[in-house]
C-alpha atoms as a PDB file:
ATOM      1  CA  MET A   1     103.805  77.282  78.386  1.00  0.00           C
ATOM      2  CA  THR A   2     105.529  77.441  81.751  1.00  0.00           C
ATOM      3  CA  ILE A   3     108.639  75.444  82.567  1.00  0.00           C
ATOM      4  CA  THR A   4     109.540  74.760  86.167  1.00  0.00           C
ATOM      5  CA  ASN A   5     112.938  73.187  86.650  1.00  0.00           C
ATOM      6  CA  SER A   6     113.358  71.705  90.093  1.00  0.00           C
ATOM      7  CA  ASN A   7     116.729  70.547  91.380  1.00  0.00           C
ATOM      8  CA  GLU A   8     118.461  73.359  89.460  1.00  0.00           C
ATOM      9  CA  TRP A   9     117.765  72.035  85.958  1.00  0.00           C
ATOM     10  CA  MET A  10     118.532  74.559  83.208  1.00  0.00           C
ATOM     11  CA  ASN A  11     117.004  74.256  79.747  1.00  0.00           C
ATOM     12  CA  TYR A  12     119.554  74.804  76.972  1.00  0.00           C
ATOM     13  CA  GLY A  13     116.977  73.957  74.300  1.00  0.00           C
ATOM     14  CA  ASP A  14     113.964  75.747  72.945  1.00  0.00           C
ATOM     15  CA  VAL A  15     111.637  77.781  75.161  1.00  0.00           C
ATOM     16  CA  ASN A  16     108.897  75.360  74.028  1.00  0.00           C
ATOM     17  CA  PRO A  17     110.600  71.992  74.565  1.00  0.00           C
ATOM     18  CA  LEU A  18     107.532  69.877  73.812  1.00  0.00           C
ATOM     19  CA  GLU A  19     107.208  71.409  70.374  1.00  0.00           C
ATOM     20  CA  HIS A  20     110.821  72.088  69.382  1.00  0.00           C
ATOM     21  CA  GLY A  21     112.950  70.082  71.822  1.00  0.00           C
ATOM     22  CA  GLY A  22     114.711  70.830  75.054  1.00  0.00           C
ATOM     23  CA  THR A  23     118.015  69.903  76.623  1.00  0.00           C
ATOM     24  CA  PHE A  24     117.935  70.075  80.411  1.00  0.00           C
ATOM     25  CA  VAL A  25     121.229  70.118  82.295  1.00  0.00           C
ATOM     26  CA  MET A  26     121.902  69.903  86.019  1.00  0.00           C
ATOM     27  CA  LYS A  27     125.382  70.257  87.526  1.00  0.00           C
ATOM     28  CA  ASP A  28     126.462  67.398  89.751  1.00  0.00           C
ATOM     29  CA  LYS A  29     126.683  68.890  93.223  1.00  0.00           C
ATOM     30  CA  ASP A  30     129.566  66.629  94.257  1.00  0.00           C
ATOM     31  CA  ILE A  31     131.784  66.373  91.173  1.00  0.00           C
ATOM     32  CA  GLU A  32     133.237  69.389  89.390  1.00  0.00           C
ATOM     33  CA  ASN A  33     132.687  69.366  85.600  1.00  0.00           C
ATOM     34  CA  ALA A  34     130.033  66.636  85.784  1.00  0.00           C
ATOM     35  CA  PHE A  35     126.456  67.015  84.573  1.00  0.00           C
ATOM     36  CA  HIS A  36     123.153  65.160  84.394  1.00  0.00           C
ATOM     37  CA  ILE A  37     121.445  65.689  81.029  1.00  0.00           C
ATOM     38  CA  VAL A  38     117.896  64.992  79.863  1.00  0.00           C
ATOM     39  CA  LYS A  39     117.239  65.728  76.197  1.00  0.00           C
ATOM     40  CA  LEU A  40     113.709  65.824  74.778  1.00  0.00           C
ATOM     41  CA  THR A  41     113.135  65.507  71.026  1.00  0.00           C
ATOM     42  CA  ASN A  42     109.759  65.889  69.317  1.00  0.00           C
ATOM     43  CA  LEU A  43     110.121  63.158  66.712  1.00  0.00           C
ATOM     44  CA  GLU A  44     107.521  64.660  64.390  1.00  0.00           C
ATOM     45  CA  HIS A  45     109.659  67.778  63.985  1.00  0.00           C
ATOM     46  CA  ALA A  46     112.960  65.907  63.912  1.00  0.00           C
ATOM     47  CA  THR A  47     112.198  62.916  61.685  1.00  0.00           C
ATOM     48  CA  GLY A  48     108.543  63.010  60.697  1.00  0.00           C
ATOM     49  CA  ASP A  49     107.743  60.086  63.009  1.00  0.00           C
ATOM     50  CA  THR A  50     105.249  60.381  65.828  1.00  0.00           C
ATOM     51  CA  GLY A  51     106.218  60.452  69.482  1.00  0.00           C
ATOM     52  CA  TYR A  52     108.851  61.927  71.743  1.00  0.00           C
ATOM     53  CA  LEU A  53     112.382  60.733  72.444  1.00  0.00           C
ATOM     54  CA  ILE A  54     113.980  61.315  75.828  1.00  0.00           C
ATOM     55  CA  ASP A  55     117.732  60.700  76.046  1.00  0.00           C
ATOM     56  CA  THR A  56     119.399  60.699  79.445  1.00  0.00           C
ATOM     57  CA  ALA A  57     123.097  60.876  80.234  1.00  0.00           C
ATOM     58  CA  TYR A  58     125.667  61.592  82.908  1.00  0.00           C
ATOM     59  CA  VAL A  59     128.763  63.349  81.576  1.00  0.00           C
ATOM     60  CA  ASP A  60     131.896  63.936  83.638  1.00  0.00           C
ATOM     61  CA  LEU A  61     134.008  66.133  81.384  1.00  0.00           C
ATOM     62  CA  ASP A  62     137.196  65.087  83.189  1.00  0.00           C
ATOM     63  CA  CYS A  63     136.636  61.534  81.883  1.00  0.00           C
ATOM     64  CA  TRP A  64     136.232  62.452  78.213  1.00  0.00           C
ATOM     65  CA  ASN A  65     138.481  63.717  75.461  1.00  0.00           C
ATOM     66  CA  THR A  66     136.121  66.508  74.396  1.00  0.00           C
ATOM     67  CA  ASP A  67     138.032  67.555  71.247  1.00  0.00           C
ATOM     68  CA  ASN A  68     135.811  65.614  68.815  1.00  0.00           C
ATOM     69  CA  ALA A  69     132.612  66.737  70.527  1.00  0.00           C
ATOM     70  CA  LYS A  70     133.890  70.327  70.662  1.00  0.00           C
ATOM     71  CA  ASP A  71     134.601  70.359  66.927  1.00  0.00           C
ATOM     72  CA  PHE A  72     131.282  68.614  66.176  1.00  0.00           C
ATOM     73  CA  ALA A  73     129.344  71.317  68.064  1.00  0.00           C
ATOM     74  CA  GLY A  74     131.511  74.250  66.962  1.00  0.00           C
ATOM     75  CA  LEU A  75     132.518  75.149  70.527  1.00  0.00           C
ATOM     76  CA  ASP A  76     135.559  77.071  71.728  1.00  0.00           C
ATOM     77  CA  GLU A  77     137.220  77.764  75.089  1.00  0.00           C
ATOM     78  CA  THR A  78     134.805  80.613  75.841  1.00  0.00           C
ATOM     79  CA  ASP A  79     131.772  78.300  75.915  1.00  0.00           C
ATOM     80  CA  PRO A  80     130.487  77.074  79.290  1.00  0.00           C
ATOM     81  CA  PRO A  81     131.117  73.488  80.402  1.00  0.00           C
ATOM     82  CA  GLU A  82     127.398  72.681  80.167  1.00  0.00           C
ATOM     83  CA  LEU A  83     127.589  73.100  76.382  1.00  0.00           C
ATOM     84  CA  TYR A  84     130.596  70.780  76.287  1.00  0.00           C
ATOM     85  CA  ALA A  85     128.599  68.162  78.217  1.00  0.00           C
ATOM     86  CA  ILE A  86     125.705  68.490  75.764  1.00  0.00           C
ATOM     87  CA  ALA A  87     128.166  68.157  72.871  1.00  0.00           C
ATOM     88  CA  VAL A  88     129.558  64.937  74.376  1.00  0.00           C
ATOM     89  CA  LEU A  89     126.016  63.523  74.583  1.00  0.00           C
ATOM     90  CA  ASP A  90     125.211  64.579  71.020  1.00  0.00           C
ATOM     91  CA  TYR A  91     128.494  63.224  69.629  1.00  0.00           C
ATOM     92  CA  TYR A  92     128.765  59.921  71.510  1.00  0.00           C
ATOM     93  CA  GLY A  93     125.095  59.146  72.244  1.00  0.00           C
ATOM     94  CA  PRO A  94     123.351  58.397  75.517  1.00  0.00           C
ATOM     95  CA  GLU A  95     124.447  54.765  75.793  1.00  0.00           C
ATOM     96  CA  GLU A  96     128.125  55.754  75.703  1.00  0.00           C
ATOM     97  CA  CYS A  97     127.385  58.316  78.432  1.00  0.00           C
ATOM     98  CA  GLY A  98     125.820  55.871  80.880  1.00  0.00           C
ATOM     99  CA  GLY A  99     122.275  56.794  79.863  1.00  0.00           C
ATOM    100  CA  GLU A 100     119.441  55.523  77.752  1.00  0.00           C
ATOM    101  CA  SER A 101     116.901  56.495  75.099  1.00  0.00           C
ATOM    102  CA  VAL A 102     113.166  56.062  75.658  1.00  0.00           C
ATOM    103  CA  ILE A 103     110.413  56.763  73.112  1.00  0.00           C
ATOM    104  CA  TYR A 104     107.033  57.970  74.352  1.00  0.00           C
ATOM    105  CA  ASP A 105     103.933  57.846  72.159  1.00  0.00           C
ATOM    106  CA  THR A 106     102.087  60.907  73.478  1.00  0.00           C
ATOM    107  CA  VAL A 107     102.894  64.333  74.834  1.00  0.00           C
ATOM    108  CA  GLY A 108     101.346  63.310  78.174  1.00  0.00           C
ATOM    109  CA  GLU A 109     103.718  60.347  78.436  1.00  0.00           C
ATOM    110  CA  ALA A 110     106.669  62.593  77.561  1.00  0.00           C
ATOM    111  CA  ILE A 111     105.669  65.063  80.279  1.00  0.00           C
ATOM    112  CA  ALA A 112     105.462  62.186  82.761  1.00  0.00           C
ATOM    113  CA  GLY A 113     108.883  60.968  81.586  1.00  0.00           C
ATOM    114  CA  LEU A 114     110.372  64.389  82.245  1.00  0.00           C
ATOM    115  CA  CYS A 115     108.668  64.502  85.665  1.00  0.00           C
ATOM    116  CA  GLY A 116     110.428  61.244  86.485  1.00  0.00           C
ATOM    117  CA  HIS A 117     113.680  63.195  86.278  1.00  0.00           C
ATOM    118  CA  GLY A 118     112.406  66.106  88.350  1.00  0.00           C
ATOM    119  CA  ILE A 119     111.640  68.305  85.334  1.00  0.00           C
ATOM    120  CA  THR A 120     108.147  69.757  85.204  1.00  0.00           C
ATOM    121  CA  VAL A 121     106.767  71.149  81.967  1.00  0.00           C
ATOM    122  CA  HIS A 122     103.279  72.648  82.063  1.00  0.00           C
ATOM    123  CA  ALA A 123     101.381  72.809  78.798  1.00  0.00           C
ATOM    124  CA  GLU A 124      97.918  72.428  77.420  1.00  0.00           C
ATOM    125  CA  ILE A 125      97.842  68.848  76.227  1.00  0.00           C
ATOM    126  CA  GLU A 126      96.000  67.961  73.054  1.00  0.00           C
ATOM    127  CA  GLU A 127      96.200  64.182  72.751  1.00  0.00           C
ATOM    128  CA  GLU A 128      96.346  62.752  69.252  1.00  0.00           C
END
């Protein structure tokens, strides 16, 4: 599998995001400590259900009290701000972070969903 992240997306998840999940983070170019996040979850591996969940969020760390999220994720002051942003998303959920959750039925739909955010994941697709 090859992952191409345009627009400076960095994957903080698994090297195989379609199989094991991926969390893509892009720094806001205009606002310090603010990040766009796209999180992909393979529901079969996470819950036993079929499909793929894509959560999106925008996290400006200067607008959040990150203490709860920091403790939840086991972070400390040496961790990069991107991990704090991911922790805020995981702790508060996408809706609280100005985002949304979308479920896709197939891997092809999930790939297209990621492409809609400028994230390209190349993989051999075996449709169910």
